[in-house]
N, C-alpha and C. Protein backbone atom coordinates (compact mmCIF):
# COMPACT_ATOMS: atom_id res chain seq x y z
N UNK A 1 0.82 -1.33 -0.04
CA UNK A 1 0.08 -0.15 -0.26
C UNK A 1 0.92 1.28 -0.09
N UNK A 2 0.61 2.24 -0.86
CA UNK A 2 1.36 3.44 -0.81
C UNK A 2 1.44 4.27 0.38
N UNK A 3 2.26 4.79 0.78
CA UNK A 3 2.44 5.76 1.83
C UNK A 3 1.38 7.19 1.41
N UNK A 4 0.66 7.46 2.72
CA UNK A 4 -0.04 8.66 2.57
C UNK A 4 0.88 9.84 2.67
N UNK A 5 0.18 11.11 2.23
CA UNK A 5 0.88 12.30 2.34
C UNK A 5 1.68 12.65 3.83
N UNK A 6 1.05 12.46 4.97
CA UNK A 6 1.50 12.54 6.10
C UNK A 6 2.59 11.41 6.46
N UNK A 7 2.29 10.32 6.23
CA UNK A 7 3.33 9.33 6.29
C UNK A 7 4.54 9.65 5.51
N UNK A 8 4.63 9.97 4.31
CA UNK A 8 5.74 10.28 3.67
C UNK A 8 6.65 11.55 4.26
N UNK A 9 5.70 12.54 4.73
CA UNK A 9 6.40 13.55 5.66
C UNK A 9 7.29 13.05 6.74
N UNK A 10 6.61 12.12 7.46
CA UNK A 10 7.07 11.71 8.86
C UNK A 10 8.31 10.97 8.40
N UNK A 11 8.29 10.10 7.37
CA UNK A 11 9.55 9.24 6.89
C UNK A 11 10.46 10.16 6.34
N UNK A 12 10.26 11.16 5.65
CA UNK A 12 11.19 12.24 5.14
C UNK A 12 11.96 12.83 6.41
N UNK A 13 11.19 13.25 7.30
CA UNK A 13 11.81 13.84 8.60
C UNK A 13 12.62 12.86 9.42
N UNK A 14 12.18 11.60 9.40
CA UNK A 14 13.30 10.76 9.93
C UNK A 14 14.41 10.31 9.23
N UNK A 15 14.34 10.18 7.76
CA UNK A 15 15.51 10.05 7.00
C UNK A 15 16.40 11.21 7.18
N UNK A 16 16.10 12.38 7.64
CA UNK A 16 17.00 13.50 7.36
C UNK A 16 17.79 13.58 8.77
N UNK A 17 17.43 12.58 9.89
CA UNK A 17 18.25 12.66 10.96
C UNK A 17 19.19 11.55 11.17
N UNK A 18 19.22 10.60 9.92
CA UNK A 18 20.21 9.32 9.77
C UNK A 18 21.56 9.59 9.94
N UNK A 19 22.04 9.37 10.64
CA UNK A 19 23.73 9.38 10.96
C UNK A 19 24.35 8.09 10.74
N UNK A 20 23.72 6.86 10.58
CA UNK A 20 24.33 5.60 10.11
C UNK A 20 23.58 4.83 9.56
N UNK A 21 23.94 3.86 8.54
CA UNK A 21 23.09 2.94 8.12
C UNK A 21 23.83 1.47 8.20
N UNK A 22 22.82 0.61 8.98
CA UNK A 22 23.37 -0.76 9.02
C UNK A 22 22.51 -1.62 8.43
N UNK A 23 23.39 -2.74 7.37
CA UNK A 23 22.89 -3.51 6.39
C UNK A 23 22.88 -4.77 6.91
N UNK A 24 21.86 -5.60 6.44
CA UNK A 24 22.06 -7.17 6.55
C UNK A 24 22.94 -7.48 4.86
N UNK A 25 23.47 -8.78 4.93
CA UNK A 25 23.91 -9.20 3.75
C UNK A 25 23.00 -10.10 2.64
N UNK A 26 22.82 -11.28 3.25
CA UNK A 26 22.32 -12.26 2.37
C UNK A 26 20.92 -11.98 2.23
N UNK A 27 20.28 -11.43 1.12
CA UNK A 27 19.01 -11.09 0.54
C UNK A 27 18.98 -9.52 0.72
N UNK A 28 19.84 -8.88 1.28
CA UNK A 28 19.84 -7.27 1.19
C UNK A 28 20.86 -6.73 0.12
N UNK A 29 22.09 -7.12 0.57
CA UNK A 29 23.35 -6.73 -0.12
C UNK A 29 23.51 -7.64 -1.21
N UNK A 30 23.14 -8.82 -1.05
CA UNK A 30 23.09 -9.97 -2.24
C UNK A 30 21.64 -10.44 -2.62
N UNK A 31 21.46 -11.16 -3.63
CA UNK A 31 20.23 -11.66 -4.03
C UNK A 31 19.90 -12.85 -3.39
N UNK A 32 20.67 -12.94 -2.27
CA UNK A 32 20.34 -14.25 -1.31
C UNK A 32 20.72 -15.60 -1.64
N UNK A 33 21.13 -15.87 -2.93
CA UNK A 33 21.67 -17.10 -3.45
C UNK A 33 23.13 -17.35 -2.89
N UNK A 34 23.56 -18.53 -2.65
CA UNK A 34 24.98 -18.69 -2.52
C UNK A 34 25.42 -19.92 -3.44
N UNK A 35 26.37 -19.56 -4.14
CA UNK A 35 26.97 -20.41 -5.21
C UNK A 35 28.21 -21.05 -4.50
N UNK A 36 27.93 -22.63 -4.64
CA UNK A 36 28.72 -23.89 -4.09
C UNK A 36 29.63 -24.52 -5.04
N UNK A 37 30.91 -24.43 -5.11
CA UNK A 37 31.52 -25.10 -6.10
C UNK A 37 31.81 -26.62 -5.57
N UNK A 38 32.33 -27.57 -6.58
CA UNK A 38 32.74 -28.70 -6.12
C UNK A 38 33.55 -29.14 -5.04
N UNK A 39 34.33 -27.93 -4.55
CA UNK A 39 35.44 -28.24 -3.26
C UNK A 39 34.65 -27.35 -2.29
N UNK A 40 33.51 -27.19 -2.25
CA UNK A 40 32.92 -26.40 -1.17
C UNK A 40 33.16 -24.91 -1.01
N UNK A 41 33.77 -24.19 -2.06
CA UNK A 41 33.69 -22.90 -1.85
C UNK A 41 32.32 -22.15 -2.07
N UNK A 42 32.12 -21.19 -1.56
CA UNK A 42 31.08 -20.27 -1.67
C UNK A 42 31.30 -18.99 -2.31
N UNK A 43 30.37 -18.40 -3.16
CA UNK A 43 30.46 -16.97 -3.55
C UNK A 43 29.17 -16.55 -3.59
N UNK A 44 29.23 -15.13 -3.50
CA UNK A 44 28.06 -14.43 -3.24
C UNK A 44 28.02 -13.37 -4.54
N UNK A 45 26.74 -12.85 -4.98
CA UNK A 45 26.69 -12.06 -5.89
C UNK A 45 26.33 -10.56 -5.36
N UNK A 46 27.32 -9.62 -5.44
CA UNK A 46 26.92 -8.15 -4.95
C UNK A 46 26.72 -7.18 -6.10
N UNK A 47 25.87 -6.19 -6.00
CA UNK A 47 25.52 -5.29 -6.81
C UNK A 47 26.53 -3.86 -6.98
N UNK A 48 27.42 -3.45 -7.99
CA UNK A 48 27.96 -2.54 -7.79
C UNK A 48 27.26 -0.95 -7.66
N UNK A 49 25.95 -1.20 -7.87
CA UNK A 49 25.22 -0.09 -7.84
C UNK A 49 24.99 0.12 -5.99
N UNK A 50 24.69 -0.93 -5.52
CA UNK A 50 24.71 -0.71 -3.92
C UNK A 50 25.79 -0.30 -3.36
N UNK A 51 27.20 -0.89 -3.88
CA UNK A 51 28.34 -0.47 -3.63
C UNK A 51 28.62 0.98 -3.73
N UNK A 52 28.05 1.64 -4.95
CA UNK A 52 28.09 2.87 -5.07
C UNK A 52 27.47 3.75 -4.19
N UNK A 53 26.15 3.22 -3.98
CA UNK A 53 25.14 3.80 -2.88
C UNK A 53 25.93 3.93 -1.51
N UNK A 54 26.61 3.02 -1.23
CA UNK A 54 27.27 3.04 0.27
C UNK A 54 28.43 3.99 0.15
N UNK A 55 29.12 4.39 -1.09
CA UNK A 55 30.01 5.19 -0.95
C UNK A 55 29.61 6.48 -1.08
N UNK A 56 28.44 6.66 -1.46
CA UNK A 56 27.77 8.08 -1.58
C UNK A 56 27.25 8.31 0.00
N UNK A 57 26.85 7.44 0.53
CA UNK A 57 26.43 7.57 2.01
C UNK A 57 27.66 8.17 2.67
N UNK A 58 28.90 7.40 2.59
CA UNK A 58 30.15 7.97 3.36
C UNK A 58 30.49 9.02 2.91
N UNK A 59 30.65 9.26 1.64
CA UNK A 59 31.08 10.69 1.22
C UNK A 59 30.24 11.82 1.81
N UNK A 60 29.02 11.57 2.22
CA UNK A 60 28.15 12.35 2.68
C UNK A 60 28.18 12.62 4.15
N UNK A 61 29.08 11.70 4.95
CA UNK A 61 29.56 11.74 6.33
C UNK A 61 28.44 10.86 7.11
N UNK A 62 27.78 9.89 6.46
CA UNK A 62 26.89 8.87 6.99
C UNK A 62 27.72 7.49 7.16
N UNK A 63 27.80 6.91 8.34
CA UNK A 63 28.69 5.96 8.84
C UNK A 63 27.82 4.70 8.21
N UNK A 64 28.67 3.62 7.97
CA UNK A 64 27.94 2.50 7.47
C UNK A 64 28.55 1.25 8.18
N UNK A 65 27.76 0.21 8.39
CA UNK A 65 28.12 -1.14 9.09
C UNK A 65 27.35 -2.22 8.14
N UNK A 66 27.66 -3.42 8.96
CA UNK A 66 27.20 -4.51 8.34
C UNK A 66 26.82 -5.52 9.71
N UNK A 67 25.87 -6.15 9.51
CA UNK A 67 25.34 -7.03 10.72
C UNK A 67 24.85 -8.25 10.19
N UNK A 68 25.43 -9.47 10.23
CA UNK A 68 24.97 -10.49 9.44
C UNK A 68 25.12 -11.98 10.32
N UNK A 69 24.27 -12.66 10.16
CA UNK A 69 24.17 -13.98 10.99
C UNK A 69 25.15 -15.13 10.36
N UNK A 70 25.85 -14.51 9.05
CA UNK A 70 26.62 -15.47 8.51
C UNK A 70 28.04 -15.03 8.96
N UNK A 71 29.09 -16.15 9.02
CA UNK A 71 30.29 -15.61 9.12
C UNK A 71 31.30 -16.09 8.11
N UNK A 72 31.34 -15.23 7.24
CA UNK A 72 31.89 -15.43 5.68
C UNK A 72 33.12 -14.37 5.46
N UNK A 73 34.22 -15.02 5.04
CA UNK A 73 35.32 -14.14 4.51
C UNK A 73 34.79 -13.25 3.65
N UNK A 74 33.82 -13.90 2.57
CA UNK A 74 33.34 -13.09 1.50
C UNK A 74 32.91 -11.43 1.94
N UNK A 75 32.25 -11.58 2.74
CA UNK A 75 31.85 -10.43 3.57
C UNK A 75 32.74 -9.49 4.24
N UNK A 76 33.83 -9.99 4.75
CA UNK A 76 34.87 -9.09 5.15
C UNK A 76 35.62 -8.53 4.05
N UNK A 77 35.75 -9.37 2.79
CA UNK A 77 36.42 -8.89 1.40
C UNK A 77 35.48 -7.74 0.88
N UNK A 78 34.08 -7.62 0.92
CA UNK A 78 33.23 -6.93 0.20
C UNK A 78 33.39 -5.61 1.34
N UNK A 79 33.41 -5.84 2.56
CA UNK A 79 33.19 -4.53 3.25
C UNK A 79 34.56 -3.83 3.21
N UNK A 80 35.69 -4.46 3.13
CA UNK A 80 37.04 -3.94 3.13
C UNK A 80 37.07 -3.16 1.83
N UNK A 81 36.67 -3.57 0.60
CA UNK A 81 36.73 -2.97 -0.60
C UNK A 81 35.76 -1.50 -0.54
N UNK A 82 34.61 -1.68 0.21
CA UNK A 82 33.85 -0.65 0.31
C UNK A 82 33.86 0.29 1.41
N UNK A 83 35.10 -0.13 2.38
CA UNK A 83 35.38 0.66 3.36
C UNK A 83 34.37 0.81 4.55
N UNK A 84 33.45 -0.27 4.58
CA UNK A 84 32.60 -0.32 5.74
C UNK A 84 33.23 -0.34 6.95
N UNK A 85 32.82 0.80 7.70
CA UNK A 85 33.51 1.14 9.15
C UNK A 85 33.59 -0.28 10.03
N UNK A 86 32.19 -0.80 10.13
CA UNK A 86 31.93 -2.03 11.12
C UNK A 86 31.38 -3.20 10.71
N UNK A 87 31.96 -4.20 11.06
CA UNK A 87 31.11 -5.34 10.42
C UNK A 87 31.08 -6.42 11.66
N UNK A 88 29.79 -6.88 11.74
CA UNK A 88 29.75 -7.77 12.91
C UNK A 88 29.37 -9.20 11.99
N UNK A 89 30.01 -10.25 12.33
CA UNK A 89 29.73 -11.49 11.66
C UNK A 89 29.02 -12.55 12.58
N UNK A 90 28.47 -13.38 12.12
CA UNK A 90 27.83 -14.50 12.71
C UNK A 90 26.86 -14.22 14.06
N UNK A 91 26.19 -13.02 13.86
CA UNK A 91 25.52 -12.39 15.12
C UNK A 91 24.05 -13.67 15.21
N UNK A 92 23.91 -13.83 16.05
CA UNK A 92 22.76 -14.56 16.50
C UNK A 92 21.61 -13.69 17.43
N UNK A 93 22.19 -12.48 17.57
CA UNK A 93 21.16 -11.66 18.36
C UNK A 93 21.34 -10.11 17.57
N UNK A 94 20.88 -9.82 16.44
CA UNK A 94 21.27 -8.67 15.89
C UNK A 94 20.57 -7.40 16.54
N UNK A 95 19.69 -7.39 17.34
CA UNK A 95 19.20 -6.28 18.22
C UNK A 95 20.33 -5.89 19.15
N UNK A 96 20.97 -7.16 19.81
CA UNK A 96 21.88 -6.40 20.59
C UNK A 96 23.20 -5.86 20.02
N UNK A 97 23.66 -6.45 18.87
CA UNK A 97 24.51 -5.82 17.90
C UNK A 97 24.27 -4.61 17.67
N UNK A 98 22.93 -4.21 17.34
CA UNK A 98 22.69 -2.96 16.99
C UNK A 98 23.01 -1.81 18.12
N UNK A 99 22.52 -2.32 19.35
CA UNK A 99 22.66 -1.57 20.47
C UNK A 99 24.35 -1.15 20.46
N UNK A 100 25.18 -2.34 20.55
CA UNK A 100 26.54 -2.04 20.74
C UNK A 100 27.13 -0.98 19.65
N UNK A 101 26.47 -1.17 18.57
CA UNK A 101 27.00 -0.52 17.46
C UNK A 101 26.63 0.94 17.75
N UNK A 102 25.51 1.10 18.06
CA UNK A 102 24.97 2.50 18.52
C UNK A 102 26.11 3.13 19.36
N UNK A 103 26.56 2.49 20.54
CA UNK A 103 27.49 2.79 21.48
C UNK A 103 28.76 3.02 20.67
N UNK A 104 29.25 2.39 19.91
CA UNK A 104 30.53 2.31 19.24
C UNK A 104 30.61 3.46 18.38
N UNK A 105 29.39 3.58 17.83
CA UNK A 105 29.60 4.93 16.93
C UNK A 105 29.40 6.39 17.53
N UNK A 106 28.64 6.03 18.56
CA UNK A 106 28.19 7.38 19.44
C UNK A 106 27.04 7.94 18.87
N UNK A 107 26.04 7.25 18.43
CA UNK A 107 24.78 7.88 18.02
C UNK A 107 23.68 6.97 18.55
N UNK A 108 22.67 7.75 18.83
CA UNK A 108 21.28 7.11 19.33
C UNK A 108 20.68 6.13 18.18
N UNK A 109 19.86 5.33 18.61
CA UNK A 109 19.20 4.36 17.77
C UNK A 109 18.41 5.04 16.86
N UNK A 110 17.52 6.12 17.46
CA UNK A 110 16.61 6.84 16.38
C UNK A 110 17.37 7.28 15.22
N UNK A 111 18.78 7.66 15.28
CA UNK A 111 19.63 8.09 13.99
C UNK A 111 20.28 6.86 13.34
N UNK A 112 19.92 5.71 13.63
CA UNK A 112 20.56 4.76 12.65
C UNK A 112 19.35 4.12 11.81
N UNK A 113 19.83 3.92 10.60
CA UNK A 113 18.64 3.04 9.61
C UNK A 113 19.31 1.58 9.47
N UNK A 114 18.29 0.81 9.35
CA UNK A 114 18.76 -0.56 9.13
C UNK A 114 17.97 -0.88 7.68
N UNK A 115 18.63 -1.82 7.22
CA UNK A 115 17.87 -2.28 5.96
C UNK A 115 18.22 -4.03 6.05
N UNK A 116 16.95 -4.77 5.93
CA UNK A 116 17.20 -6.30 6.08
C UNK A 116 15.87 -6.84 5.23
N UNK A 117 15.76 -8.16 5.17
CA UNK A 117 15.04 -9.00 4.34
C UNK A 117 14.48 -10.14 4.98
N UNK A 118 14.68 -10.57 6.08
CA UNK A 118 14.27 -11.99 6.53
C UNK A 118 13.78 -11.59 8.41
N UNK A 119 13.22 -12.56 8.80
CA UNK A 119 12.57 -12.54 9.94
C UNK A 119 13.77 -12.38 11.15
N UNK A 120 14.91 -12.45 11.09
CA UNK A 120 15.94 -12.38 12.03
C UNK A 120 16.42 -10.99 11.86
N UNK A 121 15.65 -9.96 10.90
CA UNK A 121 16.09 -8.66 10.80
C UNK A 121 14.89 -7.66 11.66
N UNK A 122 13.90 -8.65 11.98
CA UNK A 122 12.73 -7.86 12.43
C UNK A 122 13.10 -7.05 13.76
N UNK A 123 13.66 -7.56 14.65
CA UNK A 123 14.26 -6.90 16.05
C UNK A 123 14.91 -5.64 15.78
N UNK A 124 15.97 -5.76 15.00
CA UNK A 124 16.74 -4.46 14.56
C UNK A 124 15.93 -3.45 14.05
N UNK A 125 15.11 -3.96 13.27
CA UNK A 125 14.31 -2.91 12.32
C UNK A 125 13.42 -2.20 13.18
N UNK A 126 12.93 -2.84 14.17
CA UNK A 126 11.94 -2.18 15.13
C UNK A 126 12.49 -1.24 16.18
N UNK A 127 13.84 -1.56 16.11
CA UNK A 127 14.80 -0.86 17.07
C UNK A 127 15.25 0.59 16.73
N UNK A 128 15.53 0.40 15.48
CA UNK A 128 16.42 1.59 14.59
C UNK A 128 15.16 2.85 14.25
N UNK A 129 15.78 3.84 13.97
CA UNK A 129 14.91 5.06 13.82
C UNK A 129 14.12 4.86 12.41
N UNK A 130 14.69 4.24 11.41
CA UNK A 130 14.02 4.12 10.27
C UNK A 130 14.47 2.63 9.94
N UNK A 131 13.75 1.98 9.22
CA UNK A 131 13.84 0.52 8.61
C UNK A 131 13.35 0.46 7.00
N UNK A 132 14.25 -0.36 6.55
CA UNK A 132 13.87 -0.40 5.11
C UNK A 132 14.11 -2.05 4.65
N UNK A 133 13.56 -2.28 3.44
CA UNK A 133 13.75 -3.70 3.00
C UNK A 133 13.74 -3.72 1.55
N UNK A 134 14.23 -4.74 0.94
CA UNK A 134 14.07 -5.06 -0.50
C UNK A 134 12.77 -5.50 -1.05
N UNK A 135 12.07 -5.00 -2.23
CA UNK A 135 10.98 -5.50 -2.54
C UNK A 135 10.57 -7.12 -2.56
N UNK A 136 11.61 -7.88 -2.26
CA UNK A 136 11.49 -9.18 -2.36
C UNK A 136 11.76 -9.87 -0.94
N UNK A 137 11.61 -8.93 0.05
CA UNK A 137 11.74 -9.34 1.35
C UNK A 137 10.58 -10.16 1.93
N UNK A 138 10.85 -11.07 3.08
CA UNK A 138 9.51 -11.65 3.28
C UNK A 138 8.38 -10.79 3.83
N UNK A 139 7.34 -11.35 3.62
CA UNK A 139 6.15 -10.80 4.15
C UNK A 139 6.13 -10.19 5.50
N UNK A 140 6.60 -10.74 6.47
CA UNK A 140 6.73 -10.22 7.87
C UNK A 140 7.46 -8.95 8.01
N UNK A 141 8.48 -8.93 7.25
CA UNK A 141 9.57 -7.76 7.11
C UNK A 141 8.90 -6.61 6.58
N UNK A 142 8.40 -7.02 5.02
CA UNK A 142 7.56 -5.89 4.33
C UNK A 142 6.50 -5.19 5.28
N UNK A 143 5.88 -5.96 6.10
CA UNK A 143 4.75 -5.29 6.85
C UNK A 143 5.26 -4.57 7.80
N UNK A 144 6.52 -4.44 8.40
CA UNK A 144 6.90 -3.58 9.60
C UNK A 144 8.00 -2.59 9.12
N UNK A 145 8.44 -2.70 7.69
CA UNK A 145 9.54 -1.66 7.18
C UNK A 145 8.68 -0.23 7.05
N UNK A 146 9.58 0.64 7.33
CA UNK A 146 9.16 2.19 7.12
C UNK A 146 9.32 2.31 5.61
N UNK A 147 10.08 1.77 4.96
CA UNK A 147 10.67 2.11 3.36
C UNK A 147 10.77 0.48 2.71
N UNK A 148 9.80 0.40 1.94
CA UNK A 148 10.14 -0.67 0.87
C UNK A 148 10.58 -0.20 -0.13
N UNK A 149 11.59 -0.86 -0.62
CA UNK A 149 12.31 -0.31 -1.89
C UNK A 149 11.59 -1.01 -3.11
N UNK A 150 11.75 -0.57 -4.09
CA UNK A 150 10.85 -1.13 -5.34
C UNK A 150 11.99 -2.11 -6.03
N UNK A 151 13.35 -2.17 -5.68
CA UNK A 151 14.16 -2.84 -5.96
C UNK A 151 14.44 -4.04 -5.03
N UNK A 152 14.74 -5.24 -6.00
CA UNK A 152 15.00 -6.63 -5.00
C UNK A 152 16.43 -6.81 -4.35
N UNK A 153 16.70 -7.44 -3.33
CA UNK A 153 17.83 -7.42 -2.71
C UNK A 153 18.88 -7.83 -3.79
N UNK A 154 20.16 -7.17 -3.64
CA UNK A 154 21.42 -7.61 -4.48
C UNK A 154 21.18 -6.94 -5.77
N UNK A 155 19.97 -6.20 -5.93
CA UNK A 155 19.88 -5.69 -7.55
C UNK A 155 19.42 -4.18 -7.03
N UNK A 156 19.96 -3.41 -6.25
CA UNK A 156 19.89 -2.07 -5.91
C UNK A 156 19.12 -1.65 -4.92
N UNK A 157 18.53 -2.27 -3.97
CA UNK A 157 17.74 -1.76 -2.76
C UNK A 157 18.29 -0.96 -1.64
N UNK A 158 19.72 -1.36 -1.74
CA UNK A 158 20.53 -0.50 -0.72
C UNK A 158 20.84 0.60 -1.47
N UNK A 159 21.20 1.02 -2.74
CA UNK A 159 21.33 2.04 -3.45
C UNK A 159 20.34 3.02 -3.26
N UNK A 160 18.76 2.38 -3.42
CA UNK A 160 17.81 3.08 -3.56
C UNK A 160 17.68 3.60 -2.02
N UNK A 161 17.77 2.82 -0.91
CA UNK A 161 17.50 3.34 0.36
C UNK A 161 18.64 4.47 0.60
N UNK A 162 19.63 4.31 0.09
CA UNK A 162 20.75 5.18 0.29
C UNK A 162 20.42 6.62 -0.36
N UNK A 163 19.93 6.58 -1.58
CA UNK A 163 19.48 7.82 -2.17
C UNK A 163 18.34 8.50 -1.64
N UNK A 164 17.58 7.61 -1.02
CA UNK A 164 16.34 8.41 -0.06
C UNK A 164 16.95 9.19 0.99
N UNK A 165 17.94 8.48 1.60
CA UNK A 165 18.53 9.12 2.68
C UNK A 165 19.14 10.44 2.37
N UNK A 166 20.01 10.31 1.46
CA UNK A 166 20.77 11.43 0.90
C UNK A 166 19.91 12.69 0.54
N UNK A 167 18.84 12.44 -0.44
CA UNK A 167 17.93 13.41 -0.75
C UNK A 167 17.22 13.87 0.25
N UNK A 168 16.59 13.26 1.36
CA UNK A 168 15.98 14.01 2.62
C UNK A 168 17.04 14.82 3.04
N UNK A 169 18.22 14.45 3.24
CA UNK A 169 19.02 15.24 3.73
C UNK A 169 19.87 16.66 2.96
N UNK A 170 19.37 16.32 1.68
CA UNK A 170 19.70 17.46 0.62
C UNK A 170 21.26 17.25 0.36
N UNK A 171 21.62 16.05 0.27
CA UNK A 171 23.04 15.74 0.26
C UNK A 171 23.23 15.02 -1.43
N UNK A 172 24.15 15.05 -2.20
CA UNK A 172 24.28 14.89 -3.35
C UNK A 172 24.11 13.24 -3.50
N UNK A 173 23.46 12.95 -4.70
CA UNK A 173 23.34 11.58 -4.89
C UNK A 173 24.40 11.13 -6.23
N UNK A 174 25.30 12.25 -6.59
CA UNK A 174 26.26 12.10 -7.64
C UNK A 174 27.76 12.34 -7.02
N UNK A 175 28.66 12.12 -8.07
CA UNK A 175 29.91 12.39 -7.57
C UNK A 175 30.60 13.35 -8.46
N UNK A 176 31.75 14.02 -7.97
CA UNK A 176 32.43 14.79 -8.77
C UNK A 176 33.12 14.09 -9.97
N UNK A 177 33.58 14.51 -10.99
CA UNK A 177 34.49 13.92 -11.84
C UNK A 177 35.78 13.13 -11.42
N UNK A 178 36.31 13.83 -10.48
CA UNK A 178 37.67 13.29 -9.76
C UNK A 178 37.19 13.11 -8.49
N UNK A 179 37.03 11.74 -7.95
CA UNK A 179 36.51 11.24 -6.71
C UNK A 179 37.61 10.49 -6.16
């Protein structure tokens, strides 16, 4: 159901105060698929557009973090490439992880945005100031999200949410020629 005008204004006001964005990985930064090779190696597919969205957030002074239940070196590699400040792997209590991140980042929970796609993201979504999900998130998560992306997980949802935050804050969604 589309947001009503007063709901849009309220969301816009919340987005203006976001200081940090915390992201789930599988199904949010990726399409949720895991590719297994014959020798057991795992690969994940990430969107470069989502990566640019993360870069735009960081250039605008918005801090970024990952909280995932997976314990994957692939996530560490992706986070390092994107210069994501904080990474929590193997989390079985994402709510507690968000509280700890809030303390580490020195920001209140109301100024943190969270994007996730599945039932283990529900508690952090309820805790943070703004919650978002990809369009293909499970129904339970779509029901509680403040912002439902039109894009699917791993296919631009993170970028879409990043741009919504930047636009609400009057910050650029482009880069200078030399960056």
